[in-house]
Amino acid sequence: MANPVTWFEIVGKDSATLQKFYADIFSWKLSQPAPEMGNYSTIDHEGKGIGGGIGDAMDGNARVTIYIEVDDPQAYMDKVTKAGGTMLMPITTVMDGVTIGMFSDPAGNTMGLLKSNPMS
């Protein structure tokens, strides 16, 4: 697959409740929430499946977002908007030099673009 799905996140109004819910049901091990990042916790996936995180929704709307790994997030965001998608979050560098952006597709699904930091 040229551009695989490499990350997911679950966000909502109450990240602590969501974190407990998923940890209790699936025995997920979560990092300590980072208050400066919307109480975001990463999930230790132990090398199986894809990584993910659970945190507060900045806009208060609950959703699940999948992130697609790309080599040039801005070039892909340009493709998205030309194809009829809507940019929701501009390309931004976040923790450890990871670059992300978010968009909605023509059906309104929230999706993300991600470029990992190869040094992390």
PDB file of N, CA and C in Angstrom:
ATOM      1  N   MET A   1       0.854  -1.169   0.000  1.00  0.00           N
ATOM      2  CA  MET A   1       0.000   0.000   0.000  1.00  0.00           C
ATOM      3  C   MET A   1       0.901   1.234   0.000  1.00  0.00           C
ATOM      4  N   ALA A   2       0.675   2.129  -0.928  1.00  0.00           N
ATOM      5  CA  ALA A   2       1.519   3.312  -1.075  1.00  0.00           C
ATOM      6  C   ALA A   2       1.447   4.241   0.132  1.00  0.00           C
ATOM      7  N   ASN A   3       0.272   4.509   0.631  1.00  0.00           N
ATOM      8  CA  ASN A   3       0.089   5.409   1.768  1.00  0.00           C
ATOM      9  C   ASN A   3      -0.796   4.723   2.803  1.00  0.00           C
ATOM     10  N   PRO A   4      -0.177   3.961   3.732  1.00  0.00           N
ATOM     11  CA  PRO A   4      -0.956   3.177   4.689  1.00  0.00           C
ATOM     12  C   PRO A   4      -1.563   4.015   5.811  1.00  0.00           C
ATOM     13  N   VAL A   5      -2.600   3.483   6.417  1.00  0.00           N
ATOM     14  CA  VAL A   5      -3.157   4.044   7.646  1.00  0.00           C
ATOM     15  C   VAL A   5      -2.186   3.669   8.759  1.00  0.00           C
ATOM     16  N   THR A   6      -1.690   4.669   9.490  1.00  0.00           N
ATOM     17  CA  THR A   6      -0.682   4.403  10.515  1.00  0.00           C
ATOM     18  C   THR A   6      -1.052   4.899  11.910  1.00  0.00           C
ATOM     19  N   TRP A   7      -2.182   5.580  12.051  1.00  0.00           N
ATOM     20  CA  TRP A   7      -2.547   6.123  13.361  1.00  0.00           C
ATOM     21  C   TRP A   7      -4.052   6.312  13.404  1.00  0.00           C
ATOM     22  N   PHE A   8      -4.618   6.238  14.591  1.00  0.00           N
ATOM     23  CA  PHE A   8      -6.024   6.582  14.777  1.00  0.00           C
ATOM     24  C   PHE A   8      -6.153   7.354  16.073  1.00  0.00           C
ATOM     25  N   GLU A   9      -7.224   8.117  16.190  1.00  0.00           N
ATOM     26  CA  GLU A   9      -7.488   8.754  17.473  1.00  0.00           C
ATOM     27  C   GLU A   9      -8.979   8.798  17.733  1.00  0.00           C
ATOM     28  N   ILE A  10      -9.283   8.730  19.008  1.00  0.00           N
ATOM     29  CA  ILE A  10     -10.657   8.792  19.489  1.00  0.00           C
ATOM     30  C   ILE A  10     -10.721  10.023  20.381  1.00  0.00           C
ATOM     31  N   VAL A  11     -11.603  10.965  20.050  1.00  0.00           N
ATOM     32  CA  VAL A  11     -11.711  12.177  20.862  1.00  0.00           C
ATOM     33  C   VAL A  11     -13.165  12.447  21.220  1.00  0.00           C
ATOM     34  N   GLY A  12     -13.353  13.142  22.322  1.00  0.00           N
ATOM     35  CA  GLY A  12     -14.694  13.493  22.773  1.00  0.00           C
ATOM     36  C   GLY A  12     -14.617  14.560  23.848  1.00  0.00           C
ATOM     37  N   LYS A  13     -15.754  14.863  24.455  1.00  0.00           N
ATOM     38  CA  LYS A  13     -15.831  15.922  25.466  1.00  0.00           C
ATOM     39  C   LYS A  13     -15.143  15.548  26.773  1.00  0.00           C
ATOM     40  N   ASP A  14     -15.057  14.257  27.089  1.00  0.00           N
ATOM     41  CA  ASP A  14     -14.511  13.803  28.369  1.00  0.00           C
ATOM     42  C   ASP A  14     -13.481  12.709  28.115  1.00  0.00           C
ATOM     43  N   SER A  15     -12.230  13.123  27.898  1.00  0.00           N
ATOM     44  CA  SER A  15     -11.185  12.154  27.552  1.00  0.00           C
ATOM     45  C   SER A  15     -10.965  11.125  28.658  1.00  0.00           C
ATOM     46  N   ALA A  16     -11.082  11.523  29.921  1.00  0.00           N
ATOM     47  CA  ALA A  16     -10.855  10.579  31.019  1.00  0.00           C
ATOM     48  C   ALA A  16     -11.851   9.424  30.962  1.00  0.00           C
ATOM     49  N   THR A  17     -13.107   9.726  30.678  1.00  0.00           N
ATOM     50  CA  THR A  17     -14.127   8.681  30.560  1.00  0.00           C
ATOM     51  C   THR A  17     -13.834   7.773  29.374  1.00  0.00           C
ATOM     52  N   LEU A  18     -13.454   8.361  28.239  1.00  0.00           N
ATOM     53  CA  LEU A  18     -13.122   7.556  27.056  1.00  0.00           C
ATOM     54  C   LEU A  18     -11.908   6.670  27.314  1.00  0.00           C
ATOM     55  N   GLN A  19     -10.881   7.235  27.940  1.00  0.00           N
ATOM     56  CA  GLN A  19      -9.667   6.465  28.224  1.00  0.00           C
ATOM     57  C   GLN A  19      -9.979   5.277  29.126  1.00  0.00           C
ATOM     58  N   LYS A  20     -10.753   5.505  30.177  1.00  0.00           N
ATOM     59  CA  LYS A  20     -11.126   4.415  31.086  1.00  0.00           C
ATOM     60  C   LYS A  20     -11.975   3.378  30.360  1.00  0.00           C
ATOM     61  N   PHE A  21     -12.933   3.832  29.568  1.00  0.00           N
ATOM     62  CA  PHE A  21     -13.814   2.935  28.825  1.00  0.00           C
ATOM     63  C   PHE A  21     -13.010   1.965  27.964  1.00  0.00           C
ATOM     64  N   TYR A  22     -12.128   2.481  27.118  1.00  0.00           N
ATOM     65  CA  TYR A  22     -11.371   1.618  26.206  1.00  0.00           C
ATOM     66  C   TYR A  22     -10.320   0.784  26.933  1.00  0.00           C
ATOM     67  N   ALA A  23      -9.692   1.355  27.964  1.00  0.00           N
ATOM     68  CA  ALA A  23      -8.709   0.592  28.735  1.00  0.00           C
ATOM     69  C   ALA A  23      -9.376  -0.574  29.457  1.00  0.00           C
ATOM     70  N   ASP A  24     -10.546  -0.331  30.043  1.00  0.00           N
ATOM     71  CA  ASP A  24     -11.254  -1.384  30.771  1.00  0.00           C
ATOM     72  C   ASP A  24     -11.732  -2.502  29.842  1.00  0.00           C
ATOM     73  N   ILE A  25     -12.268  -2.148  28.706  1.00  0.00           N
ATOM     74  CA  ILE A  25     -12.818  -3.160  27.799  1.00  0.00           C
ATOM     75  C   ILE A  25     -11.729  -3.962  27.100  1.00  0.00           C
ATOM     76  N   PHE A  26     -10.731  -3.257  26.544  1.00  0.00           N
ATOM     77  CA  PHE A  26      -9.740  -3.919  25.690  1.00  0.00           C
ATOM     78  C   PHE A  26      -8.384  -4.125  26.351  1.00  0.00           C
ATOM     79  N   SER A  27      -8.253  -3.764  27.635  1.00  0.00           N
ATOM     80  CA  SER A  27      -6.989  -3.875  28.372  1.00  0.00           C
ATOM     81  C   SER A  27      -5.876  -3.067  27.702  1.00  0.00           C
ATOM     82  N   TRP A  28      -6.240  -1.927  27.108  1.00  0.00           N
ATOM     83  CA  TRP A  28      -5.235  -1.060  26.484  1.00  0.00           C
ATOM     84  C   TRP A  28      -4.428  -0.365  27.567  1.00  0.00           C
ATOM     85  N   LYS A  29      -3.114  -0.298  27.357  1.00  0.00           N
ATOM     86  CA  LYS A  29      -2.224   0.439  28.252  1.00  0.00           C
ATOM     87  C   LYS A  29      -2.054   1.835  27.666  1.00  0.00           C
ATOM     88  N   LEU A  30      -2.401   2.855  28.458  1.00  0.00           N
ATOM     89  CA  LEU A  30      -2.363   4.236  27.994  1.00  0.00           C
ATOM     90  C   LEU A  30      -1.279   5.021  28.713  1.00  0.00           C
ATOM     91  N   SER A  31      -0.666   5.955  27.993  1.00  0.00           N
ATOM     92  CA  SER A  31       0.300   6.857  28.614  1.00  0.00           C
ATOM     93  C   SER A  31      -0.436   7.845  29.518  1.00  0.00           C
ATOM     94  N   GLN A  32       0.318   8.524  30.368  1.00  0.00           N
ATOM     95  CA  GLN A  32      -0.272   9.579  31.189  1.00  0.00           C
ATOM     96  C   GLN A  32      -0.836  10.651  30.262  1.00  0.00           C
ATOM     97  N   PRO A  33      -2.037  11.160  30.536  1.00  0.00           N
ATOM     98  CA  PRO A  33      -2.591  12.225  29.696  1.00  0.00           C
ATOM     99  C   PRO A  33      -1.697  13.468  29.719  1.00  0.00           C
ATOM    100  N   ALA A  34      -1.541  14.087  28.563  1.00  0.00           N
ATOM    101  CA  ALA A  34      -0.745  15.312  28.436  1.00  0.00           C
ATOM    102  C   ALA A  34      -1.697  16.511  28.415  1.00  0.00           C
ATOM    103  N   PRO A  35      -1.807  17.246  29.539  1.00  0.00           N
ATOM    104  CA  PRO A  35      -2.750  18.371  29.606  1.00  0.00           C
ATOM    105  C   PRO A  35      -2.525  19.408  28.508  1.00  0.00           C
ATOM    106  N   GLU A  36      -1.268  19.629  28.138  1.00  0.00           N
ATOM    107  CA  GLU A  36      -0.963  20.625  27.110  1.00  0.00           C
ATOM    108  C   GLU A  36      -1.399  20.183  25.714  1.00  0.00           C
ATOM    109  N   MET A  37      -1.806  18.927  25.587  1.00  0.00           N
ATOM    110  CA  MET A  37      -2.260  18.389  24.301  1.00  0.00           C
ATOM    111  C   MET A  37      -3.693  17.869  24.408  1.00  0.00           C
ATOM    112  N   GLY A  38      -4.529  18.535  25.184  1.00  0.00           N
ATOM    113  CA  GLY A  38      -5.929  18.129  25.293  1.00  0.00           C
ATOM    114  C   GLY A  38      -6.116  16.822  26.042  1.00  0.00           C
ATOM    115  N   ASN A  39      -5.271  16.600  27.078  1.00  0.00           N
ATOM    116  CA  ASN A  39      -5.329  15.368  27.882  1.00  0.00           C
ATOM    117  C   ASN A  39      -5.185  14.117  27.025  1.00  0.00           C
ATOM    118  N   TYR A  40      -4.382  14.237  25.982  1.00  0.00           N
ATOM    119  CA  TYR A  40      -4.170  13.156  25.019  1.00  0.00           C
ATOM    120  C   TYR A  40      -3.296  12.068  25.625  1.00  0.00           C
ATOM    121  N   SER A  41      -3.731  10.824  25.493  1.00  0.00           N
ATOM    122  CA  SER A  41      -2.960   9.654  25.915  1.00  0.00           C
ATOM    123  C   SER A  41      -2.710   8.787  24.698  1.00  0.00           C
ATOM    124  N   THR A  42      -1.492   8.297  24.577  1.00  0.00           N
ATOM    125  CA  THR A  42      -1.214   7.363  23.489  1.00  0.00           C
ATOM    126  C   THR A  42      -1.424   5.938  23.983  1.00  0.00           C
ATOM    127  N   ILE A  43      -1.746   5.072  23.049  1.00  0.00           N
ATOM    128  CA  ILE A  43      -2.024   3.671  23.350  1.00  0.00           C
ATOM    129  C   ILE A  43      -0.789   2.852  23.032  1.00  0.00           C
ATOM    130  N   ASP A  44      -0.327   2.056  23.987  1.00  0.00           N
ATOM    131  CA  ASP A  44       0.796   1.155  23.748  1.00  0.00           C
ATOM    132  C   ASP A  44       0.262  -0.054  22.997  1.00  0.00           C
ATOM    133  N   HIS A  45       0.544  -0.109  21.705  1.00  0.00           N
ATOM    134  CA  HIS A  45      -0.002  -1.198  20.889  1.00  0.00           C
ATOM    135  C   HIS A  45       0.944  -2.389  20.805  1.00  0.00           C
ATOM    136  N   GLU A  46       2.049  -2.333  21.533  1.00  0.00           N
ATOM    137  CA  GLU A  46       2.981  -3.452  21.669  1.00  0.00           C
ATOM    138  C   GLU A  46       3.398  -4.033  20.324  1.00  0.00           C
ATOM    139  N   GLY A  47       3.548  -3.161  19.324  1.00  0.00           N
ATOM    140  CA  GLY A  47       4.020  -3.603  18.014  1.00  0.00           C
ATOM    141  C   GLY A  47       2.992  -4.330  17.171  1.00  0.00           C
ATOM    142  N   LYS A  48       1.751  -4.379  17.627  1.00  0.00           N
ATOM    143  CA  LYS A  48       0.693  -5.063  16.877  1.00  0.00           C
ATOM    144  C   LYS A  48      -0.320  -4.029  16.407  1.00  0.00           C
ATOM    145  N   GLY A  49      -0.755  -4.133  15.176  1.00  0.00           N
ATOM    146  CA  GLY A  49      -1.724  -3.178  14.651  1.00  0.00           C
ATOM    147  C   GLY A  49      -1.095  -1.811  14.474  1.00  0.00           C
ATOM    148  N   ILE A  50      -1.917  -0.777  14.522  1.00  0.00           N
ATOM    149  CA  ILE A  50      -1.422   0.585  14.372  1.00  0.00           C
ATOM    150  C   ILE A  50      -1.534   1.320  15.695  1.00  0.00           C
ATOM    151  N   GLY A  51      -0.761   2.377  15.846  1.00  0.00           N
ATOM    152  CA  GLY A  51      -0.803   3.172  17.059  1.00  0.00           C
ATOM    153  C   GLY A  51      -2.018   4.082  17.080  1.00  0.00           C
ATOM    154  N   GLY A  52      -2.302   4.612  18.269  1.00  0.00           N
ATOM    155  CA  GLY A  52      -3.433   5.512  18.390  1.00  0.00           C
ATOM    156  C   GLY A  52      -3.393   6.298  19.674  1.00  0.00           C
ATOM    157  N   GLY A  53      -4.380   7.161  19.828  1.00  0.00           N
ATOM    158  CA  GLY A  53      -4.476   7.983  21.014  1.00  0.00           C
ATOM    159  C   GLY A  53      -5.913   8.340  21.324  1.00  0.00           C
ATOM    160  N   ILE A  54      -6.133   8.765  22.571  1.00  0.00           N
ATOM    161  CA  ILE A  54      -7.461   9.165  23.042  1.00  0.00           C
ATOM    162  C   ILE A  54      -7.301  10.490  23.776  1.00  0.00           C
ATOM    163  N   GLY A  55      -8.139  11.471  23.429  1.00  0.00           N
ATOM    164  CA  GLY A  55      -8.027  12.774  24.075  1.00  0.00           C
ATOM    165  C   GLY A  55      -9.299  13.589  23.958  1.00  0.00           C
ATOM    166  N   ASP A  56      -9.189  14.839  24.411  1.00  0.00           N
ATOM    167  CA  ASP A  56     -10.310  15.766  24.330  1.00  0.00           C
ATOM    168  C   ASP A  56     -10.462  16.268  22.900  1.00  0.00           C
ATOM    169  N   ALA A  57     -11.695  16.449  22.466  1.00  0.00           N
ATOM    170  CA  ALA A  57     -11.968  17.045  21.158  1.00  0.00           C
ATOM    171  C   ALA A  57     -11.881  18.555  21.307  1.00  0.00           C
ATOM    172  N   MET A  58     -11.051  19.188  20.506  1.00  0.00           N
ATOM    173  CA  MET A  58     -10.883  20.643  20.584  1.00  0.00           C
ATOM    174  C   MET A  58     -12.203  21.375  20.352  1.00  0.00           C
ATOM    175  N   ASP A  59     -13.025  20.844  19.452  1.00  0.00           N
ATOM    176  CA  ASP A  59     -14.306  21.486  19.143  1.00  0.00           C
ATOM    177  C   ASP A  59     -15.466  20.889  19.932  1.00  0.00           C
ATOM    178  N   GLY A  60     -15.180  19.894  20.788  1.00  0.00           N
ATOM    179  CA  GLY A  60     -16.213  19.270  21.600  1.00  0.00           C
ATOM    180  C   GLY A  60     -16.987  18.161  20.917  1.00  0.00           C
ATOM    181  N   ASN A  61     -16.736  17.947  19.634  1.00  0.00           N
ATOM    182  CA  ASN A  61     -17.463  16.915  18.885  1.00  0.00           C
ATOM    183  C   ASN A  61     -16.714  15.589  18.919  1.00  0.00           C
ATOM    184  N   ALA A  62     -17.390  14.536  19.355  1.00  0.00           N
ATOM    185  CA  ALA A  62     -16.789  13.205  19.401  1.00  0.00           C
ATOM    186  C   ALA A  62     -16.604  12.670  17.987  1.00  0.00           C
ATOM    187  N   ARG A  63     -15.471  11.993  17.770  1.00  0.00           N
ATOM    188  CA  ARG A  63     -15.220  11.384  16.467  1.00  0.00           C
ATOM    189  C   ARG A  63     -14.027  10.438  16.563  1.00  0.00           C
ATOM    190  N   VAL A  64     -13.931   9.586  15.574  1.00  0.00           N
ATOM    191  CA  VAL A  64     -12.757   8.749  15.366  1.00  0.00           C
ATOM    192  C   VAL A  64     -12.121   9.230  14.073  1.00  0.00           C
ATOM    193  N   THR A  65     -10.820   9.426  14.089  1.00  0.00           N
ATOM    194  CA  THR A  65     -10.095   9.867  12.900  1.00  0.00           C
ATOM    195  C   THR A  65      -8.999   8.866  12.605  1.00  0.00           C
ATOM    196  N   ILE A  66      -8.870   8.490  11.344  1.00  0.00           N
ATOM    197  CA  ILE A  66      -7.722   7.683  10.943  1.00  0.00           C
ATOM    198  C   ILE A  66      -6.752   8.596  10.210  1.00  0.00           C
ATOM    199  N   TYR A  67      -5.473   8.303  10.353  1.00  0.00           N
ATOM    200  CA  TYR A  67      -4.418   9.102   9.731  1.00  0.00           C
ATOM    201  C   TYR A  67      -3.693   8.265   8.688  1.00  0.00           C
ATOM    202  N   ILE A  68      -3.480   8.879   7.539  1.00  0.00           N
ATOM    203  CA  ILE A  68      -2.817   8.233   6.415  1.00  0.00           C
ATOM    204  C   ILE A  68      -1.403   8.793   6.321  1.00  0.00           C
ATOM    205  N   GLU A  69      -0.414   7.913   6.297  1.00  0.00           N
ATOM    206  CA  GLU A  69       0.995   8.312   6.210  1.00  0.00           C
ATOM    207  C   GLU A  69       1.300   8.795   4.797  1.00  0.00           C
ATOM    208  N   VAL A  70       1.871   9.996   4.698  1.00  0.00           N
ATOM    209  CA  VAL A  70       2.257  10.576   3.408  1.00  0.00           C
ATOM    210  C   VAL A  70       3.646  11.190   3.531  1.00  0.00           C
ATOM    211  N   ASP A  71       4.319  11.353   2.406  1.00  0.00           N
ATOM    212  CA  ASP A  71       5.663  11.929   2.435  1.00  0.00           C
ATOM    213  C   ASP A  71       5.657  13.456   2.432  1.00  0.00           C
ATOM    214  N   ASP A  72       4.588  14.074   1.938  1.00  0.00           N
ATOM    215  CA  ASP A  72       4.492  15.531   1.847  1.00  0.00           C
ATOM    216  C   ASP A  72       3.058  15.950   2.195  1.00  0.00           C
ATOM    217  N   PRO A  73       2.787  16.168   3.488  1.00  0.00           N
ATOM    218  CA  PRO A  73       1.414  16.468   3.896  1.00  0.00           C
ATOM    219  C   PRO A  73       0.779  17.654   3.161  1.00  0.00           C
ATOM    220  N   GLN A  74       1.539  18.711   2.920  1.00  0.00           N
ATOM    221  CA  GLN A  74       0.952  19.870   2.248  1.00  0.00           C
ATOM    222  C   GLN A  74       0.545  19.538   0.816  1.00  0.00           C
ATOM    223  N   ALA A  75       1.374  18.777   0.114  1.00  0.00           N
ATOM    224  CA  ALA A  75       1.026  18.383  -1.259  1.00  0.00           C
ATOM    225  C   ALA A  75      -0.255  17.551  -1.267  1.00  0.00           C
ATOM    226  N   TYR A  76      -0.400  16.668  -0.287  1.00  0.00           N
ATOM    227  CA  TYR A  76      -1.616  15.852  -0.218  1.00  0.00           C
ATOM    228  C   TYR A  76      -2.824  16.683   0.199  1.00  0.00           C
ATOM    229  N   MET A  77      -2.627  17.664   1.089  1.00  0.00           N
ATOM    230  CA  MET A  77      -3.743  18.536   1.461  1.00  0.00           C
ATOM    231  C   MET A  77      -4.208  19.325   0.237  1.00  0.00           C
ATOM    232  N   ASP A  78      -3.264  19.746  -0.590  1.00  0.00           N
ATOM    233  CA  ASP A  78      -3.629  20.440  -1.828  1.00  0.00           C
ATOM    234  C   ASP A  78      -4.457  19.527  -2.730  1.00  0.00           C
ATOM    235  N   LYS A  79      -4.071  18.252  -2.817  1.00  0.00           N
ATOM    236  CA  LYS A  79      -4.841  17.283  -3.616  1.00  0.00           C
ATOM    237  C   LYS A  79      -6.256  17.124  -3.052  1.00  0.00           C
ATOM    238  N   VAL A  80      -6.348  17.065  -1.727  1.00  0.00           N
ATOM    239  CA  VAL A  80      -7.644  16.911  -1.053  1.00  0.00           C
ATOM    240  C   VAL A  80      -8.579  18.057  -1.427  1.00  0.00           C
ATOM    241  N   THR A  81      -8.094  19.286  -1.295  1.00  0.00           N
ATOM    242  CA  THR A  81      -8.967  20.433  -1.558  1.00  0.00           C
ATOM    243  C   THR A  81      -9.330  20.531  -3.039  1.00  0.00           C
ATOM    244  N   LYS A  82      -8.403  20.179  -3.914  1.00  0.00           N
ATOM    245  CA  LYS A  82      -8.704  20.192  -5.357  1.00  0.00           C
ATOM    246  C   LYS A  82      -9.737  19.136  -5.724  1.00  0.00           C
ATOM    247  N   ALA A  83      -9.768  18.036  -4.955  1.00  0.00           N
ATOM    248  CA  ALA A  83     -10.698  16.937  -5.245  1.00  0.00           C
ATOM    249  C   ALA A  83     -12.057  17.116  -4.565  1.00  0.00           C
ATOM    250  N   GLY A  84     -12.250  18.224  -3.843  1.00  0.00           N
ATOM    251  CA  GLY A  84     -13.548  18.470  -3.223  1.00  0.00           C
ATOM    252  C   GLY A  84     -13.599  18.277  -1.727  1.00  0.00           C
ATOM    253  N   GLY A  85     -12.455  17.961  -1.098  1.00  0.00           N
ATOM    254  CA  GLY A  85     -12.409  17.851   0.352  1.00  0.00           C
ATOM    255  C   GLY A  85     -12.246  19.224   0.983  1.00  0.00           C
ATOM    256  N   THR A  86     -12.393  19.288   2.307  1.00  0.00           N
ATOM    257  CA  THR A  86     -12.284  20.547   3.038  1.00  0.00           C
ATOM    258  C   THR A  86     -11.213  20.423   4.113  1.00  0.00           C
ATOM    259  N   MET A  87     -10.257  21.354   4.125  1.00  0.00           N
ATOM    260  CA  MET A  87      -9.234  21.349   5.162  1.00  0.00           C
ATOM    261  C   MET A  87      -9.876  21.734   6.492  1.00  0.00           C
ATOM    262  N   LEU A  88      -9.685  20.908   7.512  1.00  0.00           N
ATOM    263  CA  LEU A  88     -10.195  21.189   8.854  1.00  0.00           C
ATOM    264  C   LEU A  88      -9.101  21.733   9.768  1.00  0.00           C
ATOM    265  N   MET A  89      -7.869  21.265   9.564  1.00  0.00           N
ATOM    266  CA  MET A  89      -6.724  21.723  10.343  1.00  0.00           C
ATOM    267  C   MET A  89      -5.543  21.824   9.393  1.00  0.00           C
ATOM    268  N   PRO A  90      -4.899  22.989   9.320  1.00  0.00           N
ATOM    269  CA  PRO A  90      -3.759  23.107   8.415  1.00  0.00           C
ATOM    270  C   PRO A  90      -2.610  22.206   8.855  1.00  0.00           C
ATOM    271  N   ILE A  91      -1.698  21.963   7.960  1.00  0.00           N
ATOM    272  CA  ILE A  91      -0.535  21.134   8.260  1.00  0.00           C
ATOM    273  C   ILE A  91       0.240  21.785   9.407  1.00  0.00           C
ATOM    274  N   THR A  92       0.477  20.997  10.460  1.00  0.00           N
ATOM    275  CA  THR A  92       1.068  21.493  11.699  1.00  0.00           C
ATOM    276  C   THR A  92       2.071  20.476  12.220  1.00  0.00           C
ATOM    277  N   THR A  93       3.191  20.954  12.762  1.00  0.00           N
ATOM    278  CA  THR A  93       4.151  20.061  13.413  1.00  0.00           C
ATOM    279  C   THR A  93       3.760  19.941  14.875  1.00  0.00           C
ATOM    280  N   VAL A  94       3.624  18.690  15.329  1.00  0.00           N
ATOM    281  CA  VAL A  94       3.241  18.413  16.714  1.00  0.00           C
ATOM    282  C   VAL A  94       4.372  17.659  17.394  1.00  0.00           C
ATOM    283  N   MET A  95       4.086  16.909  18.427  1.00  0.00           N
ATOM    284  CA  MET A  95       5.093  16.232  19.238  1.00  0.00           C
ATOM    285  C   MET A  95       6.150  15.503  18.411  1.00  0.00           C
ATOM    286  N   ASP A  96       7.393  15.624  18.851  1.00  0.00           N
ATOM    287  CA  ASP A  96       8.528  14.910  18.267  1.00  0.00           C
ATOM    288  C   ASP A  96       8.676  15.119  16.766  1.00  0.00           C
ATOM    289  N   GLY A  97       8.278  16.281  16.263  1.00  0.00           N
ATOM    290  CA  GLY A  97       8.472  16.571  14.852  1.00  0.00           C
ATOM    291  C   GLY A  97       7.518  15.872  13.911  1.00  0.00           C
ATOM    292  N   VAL A  98       6.469  15.260  14.432  1.00  0.00           N
ATOM    293  CA  VAL A  98       5.449  14.631  13.595  1.00  0.00           C
ATOM    294  C   VAL A  98       4.605  15.748  12.985  1.00  0.00           C
ATOM    295  N   THR A  99       4.301  15.633  11.689  1.00  0.00           N
ATOM    296  CA  THR A  99       3.512  16.639  10.986  1.00  0.00           C
ATOM    297  C   THR A  99       2.147  16.055  10.659  1.00  0.00           C
ATOM    298  N   ILE A 100       1.083  16.800  10.994  1.00  0.00           N
ATOM    299  CA  ILE A 100      -0.272  16.322  10.726  1.00  0.00           C
ATOM    300  C   ILE A 100      -1.131  17.435  10.131  1.00  0.00           C
ATOM    301  N   GLY A 101      -2.222  17.046   9.534  1.00  0.00           N
ATOM    302  CA  GLY A 101      -3.265  17.944   9.065  1.00  0.00           C
ATOM    303  C   GLY A 101      -4.556  17.148   9.024  1.00  0.00           C
ATOM    304  N   MET A 102      -5.693  17.826   9.068  1.00  0.00           N
ATOM    305  CA  MET A 102      -6.973  17.115   9.047  1.00  0.00           C
ATOM    306  C   MET A 102      -7.877  17.704   7.981  1.00  0.00           C
ATOM    307  N   PHE A 103      -8.696  16.829   7.400  1.00  0.00           N
ATOM    308  CA  PHE A 103      -9.631  17.264   6.371  1.00  0.00           C
ATOM    309  C   PHE A 103     -10.908  16.451   6.465  1.00  0.00           C
ATOM    310  N   SER A 104     -11.948  16.943   5.801  1.00  0.00           N
ATOM    311  CA  SER A 104     -13.160  16.138   5.656  1.00  0.00           C
ATOM    312  C   SER A 104     -13.303  15.785   4.186  1.00  0.00           C
ATOM    313  N   ASP A 105     -13.760  14.573   3.945  1.00  0.00           N
ATOM    314  CA  ASP A 105     -13.977  14.133   2.568  1.00  0.00           C
ATOM    315  C   ASP A 105     -15.346  14.640   2.105  1.00  0.00           C
ATOM    316  N   PRO A 106     -15.715  14.413   0.841  1.00  0.00           N
ATOM    317  CA  PRO A 106     -17.003  14.919   0.358  1.00  0.00           C
ATOM    318  C   PRO A 106     -18.222  14.412   1.135  1.00  0.00           C
ATOM    319  N   ALA A 107     -18.096  13.285   1.844  1.00  0.00           N
ATOM    320  CA  ALA A 107     -19.207  12.758   2.639  1.00  0.00           C
ATOM    321  C   ALA A 107     -19.204  13.303   4.068  1.00  0.00           C
ATOM    322  N   GLY A 108     -18.174  14.076   4.430  1.00  0.00           N
ATOM    323  CA  GLY A 108     -18.093  14.648   5.769  1.00  0.00           C
ATOM    324  C   GLY A 108     -17.273  13.848   6.762  1.00  0.00           C
ATOM    325  N   ASN A 109     -16.626  12.763   6.333  1.00  0.00           N
ATOM    326  CA  ASN A 109     -15.779  11.976   7.224  1.00  0.00           C
ATOM    327  C   ASN A 109     -14.508  12.754   7.548  1.00  0.00           C
ATOM    328  N   THR A 110     -14.114  12.753   8.816  1.00  0.00           N
ATOM    329  CA  THR A 110     -12.871  13.403   9.221  1.00  0.00           C
ATOM    330  C   THR A 110     -11.719  12.433   9.025  1.00  0.00           C
ATOM    331  N   MET A 111     -10.688  12.898   8.334  1.00  0.00           N
ATOM    332  CA  MET A 111      -9.505  12.087   8.047  1.00  0.00           C
ATOM    333  C   MET A 111      -8.270  12.917   8.381  1.00  0.00           C
ATOM    334  N   GLY A 112      -7.139  12.244   8.551  1.00  0.00           N
ATOM    335  CA  GLY A 112      -5.903  12.951   8.838  1.00  0.00           C
ATOM    336  C   GLY A 112      -4.786  12.548   7.904  1.00  0.00           C
ATOM    337  N   LEU A 113      -3.857  13.468   7.712  1.00  0.00           N
ATOM    338  CA  LEU A 113      -2.610  13.214   6.997  1.00  0.00           C
ATOM    339  C   LEU A 113      -1.506  13.259   8.036  1.00  0.00           C
ATOM    340  N   LEU A 114      -0.508  12.394   7.903  1.00  0.00           N
ATOM    341  CA  LEU A 114       0.545  12.304   8.905  1.00  0.00           C
ATOM    342  C   LEU A 114       1.868  12.015   8.228  1.00  0.00           C
ATOM    343  N   LYS A 115       2.904  12.717   8.668  1.00  0.00           N
ATOM    344  CA  LYS A 115       4.275  12.390   8.273  1.00  0.00           C
ATOM    345  C   LYS A 115       5.045  12.173   9.557  1.00  0.00           C
ATOM    346  N   SER A 116       5.542  10.955   9.731  1.00  0.00           N
ATOM    347  CA  SER A 116       6.288  10.610  10.940  1.00  0.00           C
ATOM    348  C   SER A 116       7.676  11.220  10.901  1.00  0.00           C
ATOM    349  N   ASN A 117       8.243  11.410  12.078  1.00  0.00           N
ATOM    350  CA  ASN A 117       9.625  11.832  12.200  1.00  0.00           C
ATOM    351  C   ASN A 117      10.469  10.565  12.184  1.00  0.00           C
ATOM    352  N   PRO A 118      11.291  10.366  11.145  1.00  0.00           N
ATOM    353  CA  PRO A 118      12.069   9.122  11.075  1.00  0.00           C
ATOM    354  C   PRO A 118      13.091   8.979  12.191  1.00  0.00           C
ATOM    355  N   MET A 119      13.379  10.052  12.919  1.00  0.00           N
ATOM    356  CA  MET A 119      14.361  10.002  13.997  1.00  0.00           C
ATOM    357  C   MET A 119      13.754   9.567  15.324  1.00  0.00           C
ATOM    358  N   SER A 120      12.409   9.490  15.399  1.00  0.00           N
ATOM    359  CA  SER A 120      11.783   9.138  16.691  1.00  0.00           C
ATOM    360  C   SER A 120      11.495   7.669  16.775  1.00  0.00           C
TER     361      SER A 120
END
